[in-house]
Amino acid sequence: MPAGAVDTETLVAAVTEPTRRRMLSLLLEQGESTATTLADSLPITRQAVSKHLAVLARVGLVKGEKSGREIRYQLDVETLDRATRSLGELAAAWDQRLMRIKQIAERAAAKQPKQ
């Protein structure tokens, strides 16, 4: 894994939480935002937003830049693109697994005597 890369499991854990996905959407819409501004759009406290932003920053999906007394957060588009590809590959692998399970189940059902 390249330096600074995050494993797929950690990435999936970060983005499967609905509030974090909503935060990513808000940052995508707004370009950048502070924890306070994000909290105004979410049903959670500013402190909770900060904790979620820390998780997203750890996996590299957002980055914060100090501007005066606040930190302005924005998406790391390059990391988001890599994450999207990684999650797409994961989805494709699961699609293949599920297809194999379906085929096994269909063969097993075909071998069952009809009643």
Protein backbone atom coordinates (compact mmCIF):
# COMPACT_ATOMS: atom_id res chain seq x y z
CA MET A 1 0.00 0.00 0.00
CA PRO A 2 1.46 3.43 -0.92
CA ALA A 3 2.51 5.83 1.83
CA GLY A 4 -0.50 7.66 3.21
CA ALA A 5 -2.93 5.17 1.64
CA VAL A 6 -5.80 3.87 3.72
CA ASP A 7 -6.93 0.27 3.61
CA THR A 8 -10.36 -0.41 2.17
CA GLU A 9 -11.77 -1.66 5.47
CA THR A 10 -10.90 1.61 7.25
CA LEU A 11 -12.29 3.62 4.36
CA VAL A 12 -15.54 1.64 4.31
CA ALA A 13 -15.91 2.07 8.07
CA ALA A 14 -15.49 5.82 7.67
CA VAL A 15 -18.00 6.31 4.85
CA THR A 16 -20.70 3.87 5.93
CA GLU A 17 -21.73 6.16 8.78
CA PRO A 18 -24.70 8.24 7.49
CA THR A 19 -23.70 11.50 9.19
CA ARG A 20 -20.23 11.37 7.64
CA ARG A 21 -21.72 10.69 4.20
CA ARG A 22 -24.00 13.71 4.68
CA MET A 23 -20.99 15.80 5.68
CA LEU A 24 -19.15 14.72 2.54
CA SER A 25 -22.19 15.73 0.47
CA LEU A 26 -22.36 19.11 2.18
CA LEU A 27 -18.66 19.72 1.56
CA LEU A 28 -19.13 18.70 -2.06
CA GLU A 29 -22.00 21.20 -2.41
CA GLN A 30 -20.35 24.04 -0.47
CA GLY A 31 -16.74 23.60 -1.52
CA GLU A 32 -15.51 24.23 2.00
CA SER A 33 -17.02 24.73 5.41
CA THR A 34 -16.31 25.03 9.11
CA ALA A 35 -17.46 22.58 11.77
CA THR A 36 -19.89 25.23 13.02
CA THR A 37 -21.46 25.71 9.58
CA LEU A 38 -21.73 21.97 9.06
CA ALA A 39 -23.37 21.58 12.49
CA ASP A 40 -26.02 24.11 11.43
CA SER A 41 -27.04 21.71 8.64
CA LEU A 42 -26.94 18.53 10.72
CA PRO A 43 -28.89 17.26 13.75
CA ILE A 44 -25.69 16.95 15.82
CA THR A 45 -23.49 19.24 17.88
CA ARG A 46 -20.43 21.07 16.63
CA GLN A 47 -18.29 18.80 18.83
CA ALA A 48 -19.81 15.71 17.18
CA VAL A 49 -19.16 17.26 13.76
CA SER A 50 -15.52 17.83 14.75
CA LYS A 51 -15.17 14.17 15.75
CA HIS A 52 -16.64 13.02 12.43
CA LEU A 53 -14.35 15.41 10.56
CA ALA A 54 -11.38 13.92 12.41
CA VAL A 55 -12.35 10.44 11.17
CA LEU A 56 -12.73 11.71 7.61
CA ALA A 57 -9.39 13.51 7.86
CA ARG A 58 -7.67 10.34 9.13
CA VAL A 59 -8.72 8.46 6.02
CA GLY A 60 -7.75 11.44 3.87
CA LEU A 61 -11.18 12.38 2.54
CA VAL A 62 -11.14 15.88 4.02
CA LYS A 63 -8.42 18.31 4.92
CA GLY A 64 -8.61 21.29 7.21
CA GLU A 65 -6.83 24.59 6.88
CA LYS A 66 -6.64 27.08 9.70
CA SER A 67 -8.12 30.45 8.79
CA GLY A 68 -7.92 32.84 11.71
CA ARG A 69 -9.65 31.17 14.64
CA GLU A 70 -11.48 28.58 12.58
CA ILE A 71 -10.56 25.56 10.55
CA ARG A 72 -12.06 25.44 7.08
CA TYR A 73 -12.59 21.90 5.78
CA GLN A 74 -12.75 20.79 2.18
CA LEU A 75 -12.82 17.51 0.33
CA ASP A 76 -9.57 16.03 -0.87
CA VAL A 77 -10.82 15.33 -4.38
CA GLU A 78 -7.88 13.12 -5.31
CA THR A 79 -8.41 10.89 -2.28
CA LEU A 80 -12.16 10.89 -2.84
CA ASP A 81 -11.58 9.73 -6.42
CA ARG A 82 -9.28 6.91 -5.24
CA ALA A 83 -11.82 5.98 -2.57
CA THR A 84 -14.63 5.88 -5.13
CA ARG A 85 -12.60 3.56 -7.35
CA SER A 86 -11.69 1.37 -4.38
CA LEU A 87 -15.31 1.11 -3.25
CA GLY A 88 -16.36 0.36 -6.83
CA GLU A 89 -13.86 -2.51 -6.98
CA LEU A 90 -15.16 -3.80 -3.64
CA ALA A 91 -18.75 -3.64 -4.93
CA ALA A 92 -17.76 -5.51 -8.11
CA ALA A 93 -16.05 -8.23 -6.07
CA TRP A 94 -19.19 -8.65 -3.95
CA ASP A 95 -21.36 -8.76 -7.06
CA GLN A 96 -19.22 -11.66 -8.33
CA ARG A 97 -19.47 -13.47 -4.99
CA LEU A 98 -23.22 -13.04 -4.89
CA MET A 99 -23.53 -14.32 -8.47
CA ARG A 100 -21.57 -17.44 -7.52
CA ILE A 101 -23.81 -17.98 -4.47
CA LYS A 102 -26.88 -17.61 -6.69
CA GLN A 103 -25.49 -20.13 -9.18
CA ILE A 104 -24.74 -22.63 -6.40
CA ALA A 105 -28.23 -22.17 -4.96
CA GLU A 106 -29.84 -22.61 -8.38
CA ARG A 107 -27.86 -25.81 -9.05
CA ALA A 108 -28.80 -27.15 -5.61
CA ALA A 109 -32.47 -26.33 -6.22
CA ALA A 110 -32.37 -28.04 -9.62
CA LYS A 111 -31.04 -31.22 -8.01
CA GLN A 112 -33.85 -31.31 -5.45
CA PRO A 113 -36.61 -33.79 -6.27
CA LYS A 114 -39.86 -32.10 -7.26
CA GLN A 115 -42.74 -32.69 -4.89
